[in-house]
Amino acid sequence: MSDDPEATHKRATVQHLMRRLDGFARGVGLDEVIMRQIVEKVVAEMRMRTDEERLIEARTRMIEASA
């Protein structure tokens, strides 16, 4: 376990977004592993954005992944 506050915050953000996106991801047929990969990538790439902006981007990527 890391004592790095940034890493701890990132993990918390990923968990929060995954909870918010769980039903959506299941609705488009994605499993938890793919959902986590998408969410982690969105959080890493959009560090300075709001959670709402990240949710929109993650949903878009989930739709693309399910197509």
PDB file of N, CA and C in Angstrom:
ATOM      1  N   MET A   1       0.856  -1.181   0.000  1.00  0.00           N
ATOM      2  CA  MET A   1       0.000   0.000   0.000  1.00  0.00           C
ATOM      3  C   MET A   1       0.900   1.242   0.000  1.00  0.00           C
ATOM      4  N   SER A   2       0.508   2.214  -0.767  1.00  0.00           N
ATOM      5  CA  SER A   2       1.314   3.414  -0.921  1.00  0.00           C
ATOM      6  C   SER A   2       0.859   4.500   0.063  1.00  0.00           C
ATOM      7  N   ASP A   3       1.816   5.261   0.547  1.00  0.00           N
ATOM      8  CA  ASP A   3       1.494   6.418   1.375  1.00  0.00           C
ATOM      9  C   ASP A   3       1.355   7.681   0.526  1.00  0.00           C
ATOM     10  N   ASP A   4       1.509   7.536  -0.783  1.00  0.00           N
ATOM     11  CA  ASP A   4       1.437   8.660  -1.707  1.00  0.00           C
ATOM     12  C   ASP A   4       0.005   9.193  -1.766  1.00  0.00           C
ATOM     13  N   PRO A   5      -0.208  10.438  -1.320  1.00  0.00           N
ATOM     14  CA  PRO A   5      -1.582  10.974  -1.311  1.00  0.00           C
ATOM     15  C   PRO A   5      -2.209  11.035  -2.702  1.00  0.00           C
ATOM     16  N   GLU A   6      -1.403  11.315  -3.721  1.00  0.00           N
ATOM     17  CA  GLU A   6      -1.938  11.383  -5.078  1.00  0.00           C
ATOM     18  C   GLU A   6      -2.431  10.010  -5.544  1.00  0.00           C
ATOM     19  N   ALA A   7      -1.658   8.973  -5.252  1.00  0.00           N
ATOM     20  CA  ALA A   7      -2.063   7.617  -5.636  1.00  0.00           C
ATOM     21  C   ALA A   7      -3.324   7.207  -4.868  1.00  0.00           C
ATOM     22  N   THR A   8      -3.397   7.566  -3.599  1.00  0.00           N
ATOM     23  CA  THR A   8      -4.578   7.256  -2.797  1.00  0.00           C
ATOM     24  C   THR A   8      -5.801   7.974  -3.356  1.00  0.00           C
ATOM     25  N   HIS A   9      -5.635   9.231  -3.712  1.00  0.00           N
ATOM     26  CA  HIS A   9      -6.741   9.998  -4.293  1.00  0.00           C
ATOM     27  C   HIS A   9      -7.179   9.397  -5.629  1.00  0.00           C
ATOM     28  N   LYS A  10      -6.214   8.984  -6.440  1.00  0.00           N
ATOM     29  CA  LYS A  10      -6.539   8.380  -7.742  1.00  0.00           C
ATOM     30  C   LYS A  10      -7.350   7.096  -7.546  1.00  0.00           C
ATOM     31  N   ARG A  11      -6.924   6.255  -6.607  1.00  0.00           N
ATOM     32  CA  ARG A  11      -7.666   5.004  -6.334  1.00  0.00           C
ATOM     33  C   ARG A  11      -9.080   5.310  -5.873  1.00  0.00           C
ATOM     34  N   ALA A  12      -9.226   6.306  -5.002  1.00  0.00           N
ATOM     35  CA  ALA A  12     -10.552   6.683  -4.507  1.00  0.00           C
ATOM     36  C   ALA A  12     -11.424   7.209  -5.646  1.00  0.00           C
ATOM     37  N   THR A  13     -10.831   7.996  -6.528  1.00  0.00           N
ATOM     38  CA  THR A  13     -11.575   8.526  -7.676  1.00  0.00           C
ATOM     39  C   THR A  13     -12.032   7.396  -8.584  1.00  0.00           C
ATOM     40  N   VAL A  14     -11.144   6.454  -8.863  1.00  0.00           N
ATOM     41  CA  VAL A  14     -11.499   5.302  -9.708  1.00  0.00           C
ATOM     42  C   VAL A  14     -12.655   4.532  -9.078  1.00  0.00           C
ATOM     43  N   GLN A  15     -12.579   4.264  -7.786  1.00  0.00           N
ATOM     44  CA  GLN A  15     -13.649   3.519  -7.109  1.00  0.00           C
ATOM     45  C   GLN A  15     -14.974   4.276  -7.172  1.00  0.00           C
ATOM     46  N   HIS A  16     -14.928   5.576  -6.940  1.00  0.00           N
ATOM     47  CA  HIS A  16     -16.128   6.403  -6.978  1.00  0.00           C
ATOM     48  C   HIS A  16     -16.773   6.358  -8.369  1.00  0.00           C
ATOM     49  N   LEU A  17     -15.965   6.546  -9.404  1.00  0.00           N
ATOM     50  CA  LEU A  17     -16.500   6.532 -10.762  1.00  0.00           C
ATOM     51  C   LEU A  17     -17.025   5.149 -11.137  1.00  0.00           C
ATOM     52  N   MET A  18     -16.354   4.109 -10.695  1.00  0.00           N
ATOM     53  CA  MET A  18     -16.821   2.751 -10.999  1.00  0.00           C
ATOM     54  C   MET A  18     -18.192   2.498 -10.373  1.00  0.00           C
ATOM     55  N   ARG A  19     -18.397   2.967  -9.159  1.00  0.00           N
ATOM     56  CA  ARG A  19     -19.716   2.810  -8.534  1.00  0.00           C
ATOM     57  C   ARG A  19     -20.780   3.551  -9.333  1.00  0.00           C
ATOM     58  N   ARG A  20     -20.439   4.766  -9.774  1.00  0.00           N
ATOM     59  CA  ARG A  20     -21.396   5.569 -10.545  1.00  0.00           C
ATOM     60  C   ARG A  20     -21.700   4.950 -11.908  1.00  0.00           C
ATOM     61  N   LEU A  21     -20.732   4.241 -12.485  1.00  0.00           N
ATOM     62  CA  LEU A  21     -20.871   3.725 -13.848  1.00  0.00           C
ATOM     63  C   LEU A  21     -21.275   2.256 -13.918  1.00  0.00           C
ATOM     64  N   ASP A  22     -21.406   1.602 -12.781  1.00  0.00           N
ATOM     65  CA  ASP A  22     -21.642   0.154 -12.761  1.00  0.00           C
ATOM     66  C   ASP A  22     -22.875  -0.249 -13.576  1.00  0.00           C
ATOM     67  N   GLY A  23     -24.002   0.354 -13.315  1.00  0.00           N
ATOM     68  CA  GLY A  23     -25.226  -0.002 -14.029  1.00  0.00           C
ATOM     69  C   GLY A  23     -25.125   0.301 -15.512  1.00  0.00           C
ATOM     70  N   PHE A  24     -24.506   1.427 -15.846  1.00  0.00           N
ATOM     71  CA  PHE A  24     -24.331   1.792 -17.250  1.00  0.00           C
ATOM     72  C   PHE A  24     -23.476   0.755 -17.969  1.00  0.00           C
ATOM     73  N   ALA A  25     -22.357   0.388 -17.345  1.00  0.00           N
ATOM     74  CA  ALA A  25     -21.443  -0.581 -17.968  1.00  0.00           C
ATOM     75  C   ALA A  25     -22.143  -1.920 -18.192  1.00  0.00           C
ATOM     76  N   ARG A  26     -22.891  -2.372 -17.204  1.00  0.00           N
ATOM     77  CA  ARG A  26     -23.629  -3.630 -17.371  1.00  0.00           C
ATOM     78  C   ARG A  26     -24.669  -3.505 -18.473  1.00  0.00           C
ATOM     79  N   GLY A  27     -25.296  -2.325 -18.549  1.00  0.00           N
ATOM     80  CA  GLY A  27     -26.315  -2.091 -19.560  1.00  0.00           C
ATOM     81  C   GLY A  27     -25.784  -2.180 -20.980  1.00  0.00           C
ATOM     82  N   VAL A  28     -24.514  -1.796 -21.180  1.00  0.00           N
ATOM     83  CA  VAL A  28     -23.930  -1.900 -22.523  1.00  0.00           C
ATOM     84  C   VAL A  28     -23.122  -3.188 -22.692  1.00  0.00           C
ATOM     85  N   GLY A  29     -23.173  -4.068 -21.678  1.00  0.00           N
ATOM     86  CA  GLY A  29     -22.578  -5.395 -21.799  1.00  0.00           C
ATOM     87  C   GLY A  29     -21.102  -5.502 -21.473  1.00  0.00           C
ATOM     88  N   LEU A  30     -20.566  -4.569 -20.678  1.00  0.00           N
ATOM     89  CA  LEU A  30     -19.151  -4.644 -20.313  1.00  0.00           C
ATOM     90  C   LEU A  30     -18.990  -5.270 -18.934  1.00  0.00           C
ATOM     91  N   ASP A  31     -17.922  -6.052 -18.786  1.00  0.00           N
ATOM     92  CA  ASP A  31     -17.651  -6.635 -17.473  1.00  0.00           C
ATOM     93  C   ASP A  31     -16.804  -5.669 -16.641  1.00  0.00           C
ATOM     94  N   GLU A  32     -16.598  -6.020 -15.389  1.00  0.00           N
ATOM     95  CA  GLU A  32     -15.902  -5.130 -14.453  1.00  0.00           C
ATOM     96  C   GLU A  32     -14.455  -4.873 -14.863  1.00  0.00           C
ATOM     97  N   VAL A  33     -13.802  -5.870 -15.440  1.00  0.00           N
ATOM     98  CA  VAL A  33     -12.395  -5.704 -15.835  1.00  0.00           C
ATOM     99  C   VAL A  33     -12.260  -4.627 -16.907  1.00  0.00           C
ATOM    100  N   ILE A  34     -13.096  -4.694 -17.920  1.00  0.00           N
ATOM    101  CA  ILE A  34     -13.033  -3.698 -18.995  1.00  0.00           C
ATOM    102  C   ILE A  34     -13.451  -2.331 -18.464  1.00  0.00           C
ATOM    103  N   MET A  35     -14.484  -2.308 -17.631  1.00  0.00           N
ATOM    104  CA  MET A  35     -14.914  -1.044 -17.047  1.00  0.00           C
ATOM    105  C   MET A  35     -13.771  -0.408 -16.268  1.00  0.00           C
ATOM    106  N   ARG A  36     -13.076  -1.178 -15.455  1.00  0.00           N
ATOM    107  CA  ARG A  36     -11.967  -0.645 -14.651  1.00  0.00           C
ATOM    108  C   ARG A  36     -10.862  -0.111 -15.558  1.00  0.00           C
ATOM    109  N   GLN A  37     -10.530  -0.834 -16.630  1.00  0.00           N
ATOM    110  CA  GLN A  37      -9.487  -0.367 -17.538  1.00  0.00           C
ATOM    111  C   GLN A  37      -9.855   0.982 -18.144  1.00  0.00           C
ATOM    112  N   ILE A  38     -11.102   1.118 -18.559  1.00  0.00           N
ATOM    113  CA  ILE A  38     -11.561   2.381 -19.142  1.00  0.00           C
ATOM    114  C   ILE A  38     -11.514   3.497 -18.106  1.00  0.00           C
ATOM    115  N   VAL A  39     -12.048   3.238 -16.923  1.00  0.00           N
ATOM    116  CA  VAL A  39     -12.096   4.272 -15.882  1.00  0.00           C
ATOM    117  C   VAL A  39     -10.685   4.694 -15.471  1.00  0.00           C
ATOM    118  N   GLU A  40      -9.781   3.737 -15.282  1.00  0.00           N
ATOM    119  CA  GLU A  40      -8.413   4.077 -14.891  1.00  0.00           C
ATOM    120  C   GLU A  40      -7.733   4.933 -15.960  1.00  0.00           C
ATOM    121  N   LYS A  41      -7.969   4.602 -17.226  1.00  0.00           N
ATOM    122  CA  LYS A  41      -7.365   5.371 -18.311  1.00  0.00           C
ATOM    123  C   LYS A  41      -7.948   6.789 -18.344  1.00  0.00           C
ATOM    124  N   VAL A  42      -9.257   6.909 -18.186  1.00  0.00           N
ATOM    125  CA  VAL A  42      -9.897   8.229 -18.180  1.00  0.00           C
ATOM    126  C   VAL A  42      -9.362   9.074 -17.025  1.00  0.00           C
ATOM    127  N   VAL A  43      -9.266   8.496 -15.845  1.00  0.00           N
ATOM    128  CA  VAL A  43      -8.765   9.242 -14.679  1.00  0.00           C
ATOM    129  C   VAL A  43      -7.321   9.694 -14.924  1.00  0.00           C
ATOM    130  N   ALA A  44      -6.499   8.818 -15.497  1.00  0.00           N
ATOM    131  CA  ALA A  44      -5.096   9.171 -15.761  1.00  0.00           C
ATOM    132  C   ALA A  44      -4.985  10.272 -16.806  1.00  0.00           C
ATOM    133  N   GLU A  45      -5.811  10.206 -17.838  1.00  0.00           N
ATOM    134  CA  GLU A  45      -5.721  11.161 -18.944  1.00  0.00           C
ATOM    135  C   GLU A  45      -6.419  12.486 -18.649  1.00  0.00           C
ATOM    136  N   MET A  46      -7.352  12.488 -17.702  1.00  0.00           N
ATOM    137  CA  MET A  46      -8.144  13.687 -17.432  1.00  0.00           C
ATOM    138  C   MET A  46      -7.971  14.134 -15.985  1.00  0.00           C
ATOM    139  N   ARG A  47      -6.730  14.248 -15.570  1.00  0.00           N
ATOM    140  CA  ARG A  47      -6.429  14.546 -14.165  1.00  0.00           C
ATOM    141  C   ARG A  47      -7.026  15.865 -13.683  1.00  0.00           C
ATOM    142  N   MET A  48      -7.089  16.863 -14.548  1.00  0.00           N
ATOM    143  CA  MET A  48      -7.531  18.190 -14.126  1.00  0.00           C
ATOM    144  C   MET A  48      -9.012  18.439 -14.426  1.00  0.00           C
ATOM    145  N   ARG A  49      -9.754  17.413 -14.732  1.00  0.00           N
ATOM    146  CA  ARG A  49     -11.168  17.566 -15.080  1.00  0.00           C
ATOM    147  C   ARG A  49     -12.044  17.180 -13.897  1.00  0.00           C
ATOM    148  N   THR A  50     -13.319  17.564 -13.983  1.00  0.00           N
ATOM    149  CA  THR A  50     -14.269  17.220 -12.926  1.00  0.00           C
ATOM    150  C   THR A  50     -14.712  15.768 -13.080  1.00  0.00           C
ATOM    151  N   ASP A  51     -15.294  15.227 -12.022  1.00  0.00           N
ATOM    152  CA  ASP A  51     -15.831  13.865 -12.101  1.00  0.00           C
ATOM    153  C   ASP A  51     -16.923  13.774 -13.159  1.00  0.00           C
ATOM    154  N   GLU A  52     -17.733  14.817 -13.291  1.00  0.00           N
ATOM    155  CA  GLU A  52     -18.794  14.788 -14.304  1.00  0.00           C
ATOM    156  C   GLU A  52     -18.205  14.695 -15.706  1.00  0.00           C
ATOM    157  N   GLU A  53     -17.146  15.448 -15.970  1.00  0.00           N
ATOM    158  CA  GLU A  53     -16.488  15.370 -17.285  1.00  0.00           C
ATOM    159  C   GLU A  53     -15.890  13.981 -17.505  1.00  0.00           C
ATOM    160  N   ARG A  54     -15.324  13.409 -16.457  1.00  0.00           N
ATOM    161  CA  ARG A  54     -14.763  12.056 -16.567  1.00  0.00           C
ATOM    162  C   ARG A  54     -15.856  11.032 -16.817  1.00  0.00           C
ATOM    163  N   LEU A  55     -17.002  11.196 -16.153  1.00  0.00           N
ATOM    164  CA  LEU A  55     -18.116  10.265 -16.359  1.00  0.00           C
ATOM    165  C   LEU A  55     -18.589  10.289 -17.808  1.00  0.00           C
ATOM    166  N   ILE A  56     -18.704  11.477 -18.371  1.00  0.00           N
ATOM    167  CA  ILE A  56     -19.128  11.593 -19.772  1.00  0.00           C
ATOM    168  C   ILE A  56     -18.136  10.879 -20.685  1.00  0.00           C
ATOM    169  N   GLU A  57     -16.855  11.124 -20.476  1.00  0.00           N
ATOM    170  CA  GLU A  57     -15.824  10.495 -21.312  1.00  0.00           C
ATOM    171  C   GLU A  57     -15.823   8.977 -21.124  1.00  0.00           C
ATOM    172  N   ALA A  58     -15.946   8.516 -19.882  1.00  0.00           N
ATOM    173  CA  ALA A  58     -15.952   7.075 -19.632  1.00  0.00           C
ATOM    174  C   ALA A  58     -17.161   6.410 -20.295  1.00  0.00           C
ATOM    175  N   ARG A  59     -18.329   7.038 -20.219  1.00  0.00           N
ATOM    176  CA  ARG A  59     -19.512   6.479 -20.878  1.00  0.00           C
ATOM    177  C   ARG A  59     -19.306   6.391 -22.387  1.00  0.00           C
ATOM    178  N   THR A  60     -18.726   7.441 -22.969  1.00  0.00           N
ATOM    179  CA  THR A  60     -18.460   7.441 -24.403  1.00  0.00           C
ATOM    180  C   THR A  60     -17.539   6.288 -24.781  1.00  0.00           C
ATOM    181  N   ARG A  61     -16.474   6.093 -24.009  1.00  0.00           N
ATOM    182  CA  ARG A  61     -15.533   5.015 -24.293  1.00  0.00           C
ATOM    183  C   ARG A  61     -16.169   3.637 -24.076  1.00  0.00           C
ATOM    184  N   MET A  62     -17.054   3.535 -23.102  1.00  0.00           N
ATOM    185  CA  MET A  62     -17.743   2.261 -22.871  1.00  0.00           C
ATOM    186  C   MET A  62     -18.655   1.910 -24.040  1.00  0.00           C
ATOM    187  N   ILE A  63     -19.348   2.902 -24.569  1.00  0.00           N
ATOM    188  CA  ILE A  63     -20.205   2.660 -25.728  1.00  0.00           C
ATOM    189  C   ILE A  63     -19.351   2.200 -26.901  1.00  0.00           C
ATOM    190  N   GLU A  64     -18.220   2.874 -27.122  1.00  0.00           N
ATOM    191  CA  GLU A  64     -17.316   2.481 -28.218  1.00  0.00           C
ATOM    192  C   GLU A  64     -16.786   1.068 -28.003  1.00  0.00           C
ATOM    193  N   ALA A  65     -16.444   0.725 -26.760  1.00  0.00           N
ATOM    194  CA  ALA A  65     -15.905  -0.604 -26.465  1.00  0.00           C
ATOM    195  C   ALA A  65     -16.940  -1.706 -26.654  1.00  0.00           C
ATOM    196  N   SER A  66     -18.207  -1.350 -26.472  1.00  0.00           N
ATOM    197  CA  SER A  66     -19.257  -2.372 -26.574  1.00  0.00           C
ATOM    198  C   SER A  66     -19.738  -2.570 -28.013  1.00  0.00           C
ATOM    199  N   ALA A  67     -19.361  -1.675 -28.905  1.00  0.00           N
ATOM    200  CA  ALA A  67     -19.845  -1.742 -30.297  1.00  0.00           C
ATOM    201  C   ALA A  67     -19.206  -2.875 -31.074  1.00  0.00           C
TER     202      ALA A  67
END
